[in-house]
Protein backbone atom coordinates (compact mmCIF):
# COMPACT_ATOMS: atom_id res chain seq x y z
CA UNK A 1 0.06 -0.11 0.10
CA UNK A 2 1.58 3.07 -1.19
CA UNK A 3 1.44 5.88 1.54
CA UNK A 4 4.24 8.04 0.29
CA UNK A 5 3.98 11.91 0.20
CA UNK A 6 6.15 14.29 -1.66
CA UNK A 7 7.81 16.40 1.05
CA UNK A 8 5.93 19.61 1.87
CA UNK A 9 7.05 23.04 1.18
CA UNK A 10 9.42 24.50 4.27
CA UNK A 11 6.39 26.50 5.08
CA UNK A 12 4.94 23.33 6.41
CA UNK A 13 7.73 21.11 7.30
CA UNK A 14 6.86 21.26 10.97
CA UNK A 15 3.81 19.39 10.56
CA UNK A 16 3.01 15.63 10.82
CA UNK A 17 1.13 13.87 7.99
CA UNK A 18 -0.37 10.69 8.08
CA UNK A 19 -3.83 9.03 7.00
CA UNK A 20 -6.94 9.87 8.70
CA UNK A 21 -8.62 6.77 10.86
CA UNK A 22 -11.70 6.54 12.27
CA UNK A 23 -10.32 7.41 15.73
CA UNK A 24 -9.48 11.00 14.46
CA UNK A 25 -13.03 11.64 13.11
CA UNK A 26 -14.18 13.69 16.30
CA UNK A 27 -11.20 15.89 15.64
CA UNK A 28 -11.93 15.97 11.83
CA UNK A 29 -15.54 17.02 12.49
CA UNK A 30 -14.31 19.80 14.90
CA UNK A 31 -12.34 20.87 11.95
CA UNK A 32 -15.02 21.06 9.58
CA UNK A 33 -17.16 23.23 12.18
CA UNK A 34 -14.40 25.84 12.29
CA UNK A 35 -13.41 26.14 8.66
CA UNK A 36 -17.05 26.47 8.00
CA UNK A 37 -17.77 29.14 10.52
CA UNK A 38 -14.93 31.18 9.05
CA UNK A 39 -16.88 31.43 5.89
CA UNK A 40 -20.40 31.58 7.32
CA UNK A 41 -21.28 27.96 5.66
CA UNK A 42 -23.67 26.52 7.98
CA UNK A 43 -23.53 23.17 6.28
CA UNK A 44 -21.54 20.75 8.05
CA UNK A 45 -22.69 17.04 8.72
CA UNK A 46 -23.70 15.99 12.04
CA UNK A 47 -20.46 13.86 13.54
CA UNK A 48 -23.09 11.05 13.55
CA UNK A 49 -23.67 11.38 9.82
CA UNK A 50 -19.92 11.97 9.18
CA UNK A 51 -18.47 9.02 10.99
CA UNK A 52 -21.30 7.09 9.11
CA UNK A 53 -20.13 8.48 5.54
CA UNK A 54 -16.56 8.45 6.22
CA UNK A 55 -16.65 4.65 4.93
CA UNK A 56 -16.87 5.66 1.50
CA UNK A 57 -15.97 3.23 -1.00
CA UNK A 58 -14.74 6.04 -3.37
CA UNK A 59 -11.92 7.04 -0.79
CA UNK A 60 -9.90 4.60 1.00
CA UNK A 61 -8.82 6.61 4.28
CA UNK A 62 -5.39 4.73 4.14
CA UNK A 63 -4.12 5.82 0.56
CA UNK A 64 -6.75 9.02 0.00
CA UNK A 65 -6.68 10.88 2.52
CA UNK A 66 -3.82 13.08 4.87
CA UNK A 67 -4.42 14.31 8.20
CA UNK A 68 -2.29 17.13 8.86
CA UNK A 69 -1.24 17.61 12.76
CA UNK A 70 0.06 20.62 14.07
CA UNK A 71 3.36 20.50 16.77
CA UNK A 72 0.96 20.42 19.79
CA UNK A 73 -0.87 17.54 18.02
CA UNK A 74 -4.35 19.50 17.19
CA UNK A 75 -5.78 18.74 13.72
CA UNK A 76 -4.63 21.35 11.46
CA UNK A 77 -5.58 20.20 7.90
CA UNK A 78 -7.60 17.33 6.07
CA UNK A 79 -6.79 16.56 2.45
CA UNK A 80 -9.36 14.01 1.11
CA UNK A 81 -9.65 12.37 -2.72
CA UNK A 82 -12.82 10.91 -3.48
CA UNK A 83 -12.96 9.13 -7.31
CA UNK A 84 -15.71 6.51 -8.44
CA UNK A 85 -13.38 3.43 -9.04
CA UNK A 86 -16.01 2.31 -12.06
CA UNK A 87 -16.19 5.77 -13.97
CA UNK A 88 -18.38 6.10 -17.16
CA UNK A 89 -17.52 8.89 -19.51
CA UNK A 90 -15.62 11.06 -17.39
CA UNK A 91 -13.00 10.02 -14.50
CA UNK A 92 -13.57 12.65 -11.64
CA UNK A 93 -11.72 13.02 -8.45
CA UNK A 94 -13.51 15.29 -6.22
CA UNK A 95 -10.88 16.87 -3.53
CA UNK A 96 -11.61 18.08 -0.06
CA UNK A 97 -9.15 20.65 1.28
CA UNK A 98 -9.76 21.84 4.93
CA UNK A 99 -7.38 24.02 6.64
CA UNK A 100 -7.75 25.59 10.13
CA UNK A 101 -7.72 29.32 10.12
CA UNK A 102 -5.07 29.46 12.17
CA UNK A 103 -2.79 27.52 9.94
CA UNK A 104 -4.11 28.39 6.38
CA UNK A 105 -0.95 30.50 5.50
CA UNK A 106 1.50 27.65 5.83
CA UNK A 107 -0.62 24.68 4.90
CA UNK A 108 -2.74 25.86 1.72
CA UNK A 109 -0.27 25.19 -1.08
CA UNK A 110 1.23 21.98 0.60
CA UNK A 111 -2.43 20.65 0.97
CA UNK A 112 -3.56 21.54 -2.69
CA UNK A 113 -0.09 20.23 -3.62
CA UNK A 114 -0.71 16.61 -2.11
CA UNK A 115 -4.30 16.66 -3.74
CA UNK A 116 -3.58 17.60 -7.10
CA UNK A 117 -0.45 14.69 -6.75
CA UNK A 118 -2.40 12.25 -5.41
CA UNK A 119 -5.73 12.58 -7.21
CA UNK A 120 -4.22 12.79 -10.87
CA UNK A 121 -2.37 9.67 -9.91
CA UNK A 122 -5.46 8.01 -8.49
CA UNK A 123 -7.27 8.91 -11.75
CA UNK A 124 -4.59 7.33 -13.64
CA UNK A 125 -4.87 4.22 -11.70
CA UNK A 126 -8.65 3.90 -11.82
CA UNK A 127 -8.36 4.47 -15.81
CA UNK A 128 -5.94 1.64 -16.07
CA UNK A 129 -7.98 -0.61 -14.18
CA UNK A 130 -10.98 -0.38 -16.37
CA UNK A 131 -11.42 -3.30 -18.67
CA UNK A 132 -10.44 -2.46 -22.29
CA UNK A 133 -8.87 0.82 -20.96
CA UNK A 134 -10.45 4.43 -20.42
CA UNK A 135 -10.53 6.72 -23.23
CA UNK A 136 -12.58 9.24 -21.34
CA UNK A 137 -11.13 12.59 -19.80
CA UNK A 138 -9.55 12.84 -16.33
CA UNK A 139 -10.48 15.78 -14.07
CA UNK A 140 -9.66 16.90 -10.93
CA UNK A 141 -12.58 18.96 -9.38
CA UNK A 142 -13.46 21.05 -6.24
CA UNK A 143 -15.58 23.84 -5.37
CA UNK A 144 -15.84 26.58 -3.03
CA UNK A 145 -18.25 29.77 -2.28
CA UNK A 146 -17.02 32.88 -4.00
CA UNK A 147 -16.76 34.97 -0.77
CA UNK A 148 -13.76 33.31 0.31
CA UNK A 149 -11.01 35.66 -0.35
CA UNK A 150 -7.79 34.51 -2.43
CA UNK A 151 -9.30 31.15 -3.17
CA UNK A 152 -9.68 31.75 -7.01
CA UNK A 153 -6.22 32.92 -7.51
CA UNK A 154 -4.87 29.96 -5.17
CA UNK A 155 -6.61 27.41 -7.51
CA UNK A 156 -5.59 29.11 -10.71
CA UNK A 157 -1.85 28.84 -9.61
CA UNK A 158 -2.75 24.99 -9.24
CA UNK A 159 -3.73 25.10 -12.72
CA UNK A 160 -7.68 24.78 -11.85
CA UNK A 161 -10.23 27.23 -13.97
CA UNK A 162 -13.90 28.08 -13.04
CA UNK A 163 -16.29 25.76 -15.22
CA UNK A 164 -19.42 25.84 -13.39
CA UNK A 165 -21.59 27.71 -11.14
CA UNK A 166 -24.09 26.99 -8.46
CA UNK A 167 -26.68 28.91 -6.49
CA UNK A 168 -27.54 28.42 -3.17
CA UNK A 169 -31.23 29.98 -2.94
CA UNK A 170 -33.84 30.45 -0.46
CA UNK A 171 -37.57 31.63 0.21
CA UNK A 172 -39.02 33.37 2.85
CA UNK A 173 -42.18 31.38 3.89
CA UNK A 174 -44.25 33.94 5.19
CA UNK A 175 -44.72 35.61 1.93
CA UNK A 176 -47.83 33.76 -0.17
CA UNK A 177 -47.55 30.48 -1.47
CA UNK A 178 -49.10 29.62 -4.63
CA UNK A 179 -51.63 27.16 -5.40
CA UNK A 180 -50.52 24.76 -7.87
CA UNK A 181 -52.74 21.86 -8.14
CA UNK A 182 -51.56 18.37 -9.56
CA UNK A 183 -52.42 17.27 -12.95
CA UNK A 184 -55.41 14.79 -13.09
CA UNK A 185 -54.49 10.85 -12.91
CA UNK A 186 -51.52 11.32 -10.42
CA UNK A 187 -51.34 10.76 -6.64
CA UNK A 188 -49.30 12.27 -3.90
CA UNK A 189 -47.80 10.17 -1.07
CA UNK A 190 -44.52 10.48 1.09
CA UNK A 191 -41.60 8.65 1.39
CA UNK A 192 -41.52 5.14 2.70
CA UNK A 193 -39.30 2.19 2.73
CA UNK A 194 -41.26 0.16 0.24
CA UNK A 195 -40.91 3.02 -2.21
CA UNK A 196 -36.78 3.33 -1.96
CA UNK A 197 -35.77 1.18 -5.22
CA UNK A 198 -38.07 3.00 -7.45
CA UNK A 199 -37.30 6.36 -5.99
CA UNK A 200 -33.59 5.36 -6.38
CA UNK A 201 -34.25 4.71 -9.94
CA UNK A 202 -36.18 7.98 -10.73
CA UNK A 203 -33.59 9.89 -9.21
CA UNK A 204 -31.07 8.67 -11.52
CA UNK A 205 -33.00 8.75 -14.44
CA UNK A 206 -34.46 12.01 -14.01
CA UNK A 207 -30.78 13.61 -13.41
CA UNK A 208 -28.93 11.02 -16.21
CA UNK A 209 -28.95 14.22 -18.79
CA UNK A 210 -27.67 16.88 -15.69
CA UNK A 211 -23.99 18.11 -15.74
CA UNK A 212 -21.67 15.44 -14.10
CA UNK A 213 -24.05 12.80 -12.79
CA UNK A 214 -22.91 9.81 -11.36
CA UNK A 215 -25.55 6.98 -11.04
CA UNK A 216 -26.53 6.21 -7.19
CA UNK A 217 -25.91 2.52 -6.46
CA UNK A 218 -28.35 1.27 -3.68
CA UNK A 219 -25.57 1.01 -1.15
CA UNK A 220 -24.99 5.05 -1.58
CA UNK A 221 -28.65 5.52 -1.37
CA UNK A 222 -29.09 4.15 1.75
CA UNK A 223 -25.55 5.56 3.23
CA UNK A 224 -25.72 8.83 1.64
CA UNK A 225 -29.32 10.14 1.07
CA UNK A 226 -32.08 8.47 2.88
CA UNK A 227 -29.15 7.36 5.74
CA UNK A 228 -28.88 11.03 6.38
CA UNK A 229 -29.87 11.89 9.86
CA UNK A 230 -31.82 15.32 8.37
CA UNK A 231 -33.70 13.26 5.78
CA UNK A 232 -37.51 13.77 6.43
CA UNK A 233 -39.70 10.98 4.80
CA UNK A 234 -42.59 12.55 6.23
CA UNK A 235 -41.54 15.88 4.34
CA UNK A 236 -40.66 14.31 1.05
CA UNK A 237 -43.28 14.08 -1.75
CA UNK A 238 -43.35 11.33 -3.94
CA UNK A 239 -45.47 11.60 -7.31
CA UNK A 240 -47.11 8.36 -8.69
CA UNK A 241 -48.72 7.65 -12.23
CA UNK A 242 -50.46 4.29 -11.08
CA UNK A 243 -47.65 2.40 -9.21
CA UNK A 244 -44.91 4.25 -11.31
CA UNK A 245 -42.75 6.81 -9.43
CA UNK A 246 -42.68 9.88 -11.69
CA UNK A 247 -41.45 12.66 -9.53
CA UNK A 248 -39.86 13.60 -6.48
CA UNK A 249 -38.47 16.06 -3.92
CA UNK A 250 -35.95 14.81 -1.20
CA UNK A 251 -36.25 16.94 1.79
CA UNK A 252 -34.20 17.18 4.82
CA UNK A 253 -34.30 19.49 7.95
CA UNK A 254 -31.15 19.82 10.07
CA UNK A 255 -31.62 21.06 13.34
CA UNK A 256 -27.73 21.94 13.68
CA UNK A 257 -27.59 23.68 10.48
CA UNK A 258 -30.39 25.56 11.49
CA UNK A 259 -28.91 26.59 14.80
CA UNK A 260 -25.83 27.58 13.09
CA UNK A 261 -27.43 30.18 10.78
CA UNK A 262 -29.49 31.76 12.93
CA UNK A 263 -32.76 30.87 10.98
CA UNK A 264 -34.86 27.46 10.44
CA UNK A 265 -35.10 26.20 6.87
CA UNK A 266 -35.97 22.99 4.98
CA UNK A 267 -34.00 21.97 2.53
CA UNK A 268 -35.23 20.76 -0.68
CA UNK A 269 -32.31 18.09 -1.49
CA UNK A 270 -33.36 16.88 -4.86
CA UNK A 271 -36.29 17.63 -6.80
CA UNK A 272 -36.50 15.51 -9.69
CA UNK A 273 -38.94 14.73 -12.66
CA UNK A 274 -38.49 11.72 -15.09
CA UNK A 275 -38.17 13.22 -18.76
CA UNK A 276 -41.47 11.56 -19.99
CA UNK A 277 -43.39 13.37 -17.29
CA UNK A 278 -41.54 16.76 -17.76
CA UNK A 279 -43.48 20.31 -18.87
CA UNK A 280 -46.40 19.39 -16.61
CA UNK A 281 -45.81 21.40 -13.99
CA UNK A 282 -44.81 18.48 -11.68
CA UNK A 283 -41.70 20.15 -10.22
CA UNK A 284 -43.40 23.11 -9.24
CA UNK A 285 -46.20 21.54 -7.63
CA UNK A 286 -44.19 19.19 -5.50
CA UNK A 287 -42.05 22.56 -4.72
CA UNK A 288 -45.22 24.47 -3.14
CA UNK A 289 -46.39 21.33 -1.53
CA UNK A 290 -42.80 21.04 0.14
CA UNK A 291 -43.02 24.88 0.99
CA UNK A 292 -46.46 24.38 2.64
CA UNK A 293 -45.09 21.27 4.45
CA UNK A 294 -42.15 23.24 5.74
CA UNK A 295 -44.31 25.86 6.69
CA UNK A 296 -46.58 23.72 8.99
CA UNK A 297 -43.31 22.52 10.38
CA UNK A 298 -42.78 26.06 12.02
CA UNK A 299 -39.77 26.50 9.58
CA UNK A 300 -38.87 30.06 8.45
CA UNK A 301 -37.65 29.80 4.88
CA UNK A 302 -37.31 26.66 2.20
CA UNK A 303 -33.77 26.50 1.11
CA UNK A 304 -32.13 24.50 -2.00
CA UNK A 305 -29.16 24.45 -4.27
CA UNK A 306 -28.94 24.81 -8.08
CA UNK A 307 -26.84 24.71 -11.05
CA UNK A 308 -26.90 27.92 -12.76
CA UNK A 309 -26.85 26.27 -16.37
CA UNK A 310 -29.51 23.41 -15.35
CA UNK A 311 -30.82 22.08 -18.85
CA UNK A 312 -34.31 22.01 -17.38
CA UNK A 313 -34.55 25.65 -16.67
CA UNK A 314 -34.78 25.00 -12.79
CA UNK A 315 -33.25 28.39 -11.95
CA UNK A 316 -36.16 30.28 -13.54
CA UNK A 317 -38.63 27.94 -12.01
CA UNK A 318 -37.12 28.65 -8.62
CA UNK A 319 -37.34 32.45 -9.09
CA UNK A 320 -40.64 32.30 -10.03
CA UNK A 321 -41.79 30.53 -7.07
CA UNK A 322 -39.94 33.07 -5.05
CA UNK A 323 -36.81 31.75 -4.51
CA UNK A 324 -33.42 34.36 -4.23
CA UNK A 325 -29.90 33.72 -4.45
CA UNK A 326 -27.86 34.43 -1.00
CA UNK A 327 -24.50 32.58 -1.95
CA UNK A 328 -22.53 31.48 -5.49
CA UNK A 329 -20.40 28.45 -5.49
CA UNK A 330 -17.84 27.95 -8.23
CA UNK A 331 -16.71 24.73 -9.23
CA UNK A 332 -12.99 24.24 -10.50
CA UNK A 333 -11.36 21.73 -12.55
CA UNK A 334 -7.96 20.60 -13.71
CA UNK A 335 -7.40 18.12 -16.56
CA UNK A 336 -4.96 15.19 -15.76
CA UNK A 337 -2.62 14.26 -18.31
CA UNK A 338 -2.77 10.77 -19.81
CA UNK A 339 -0.96 7.58 -17.92
CA UNK A 340 2.50 7.75 -17.20
């Protein structure tokens, strides 16, 4: 097992670098809370969720993580590479660069350098392991809120360029919510375990034409979607045409996130309509239903994230229903050269 690391630059030489372990997870979670607070980002998983999600089949902690410890033994940074071992049209490595505010000047370049080095090698290894070879592009990817000083310039120095923009949006639920009746012949229900596979397949179909979609496996569905502590089956509407799932809105409410951001919100995590049922107002109907459900729950806002270039026109739909953008996330990419 290769755990080598290119020696860090002199500014980071006093730090200890090693793979992250399960015993480190509480300290890593504390790092995530601190780094998120520094950029006013309330989106941090609970410690329970982080522990459950850490065993990701796309990221072996022994080889694809580095925990950076300060001389006093405290956690100064985390570097993590996540990549699908069975890519389809494109092989992507998602890079996580979490650096404690007190250690950013010393560690930024070193952490990003390791991520580029290991992420590139990981993608080459994955490509070489595909039956018959892999002809698609190899891409390193990371994202960040636009309000982080110097982030874009730092990424540019490591060869990354902006490629896509996403908005975080919210809607004040004290404002009037319009009526939006369902088309005749469809039935609305809420999520229940016996619908799990049908909803998972509908989700994969609905988002198959979206940028950078990765199909969600059965295990990933349980581990990362419905297994999340914030997932609310009772607030998750599912539209049926007979027994067939045709549209859905996978909704969440996080008490910890709401406490950090200073207001309460329900999050529309994934709103999708299968292609054959589009252009009938189903997404709007589900979003209106979700807003009313959040309002009845006593929440102040509905929130969601959207790709600015979403092919289904989702941004315009959300704006027409009263959602406004409050943050923008830029996604950066760097192409990886072919196998050595």
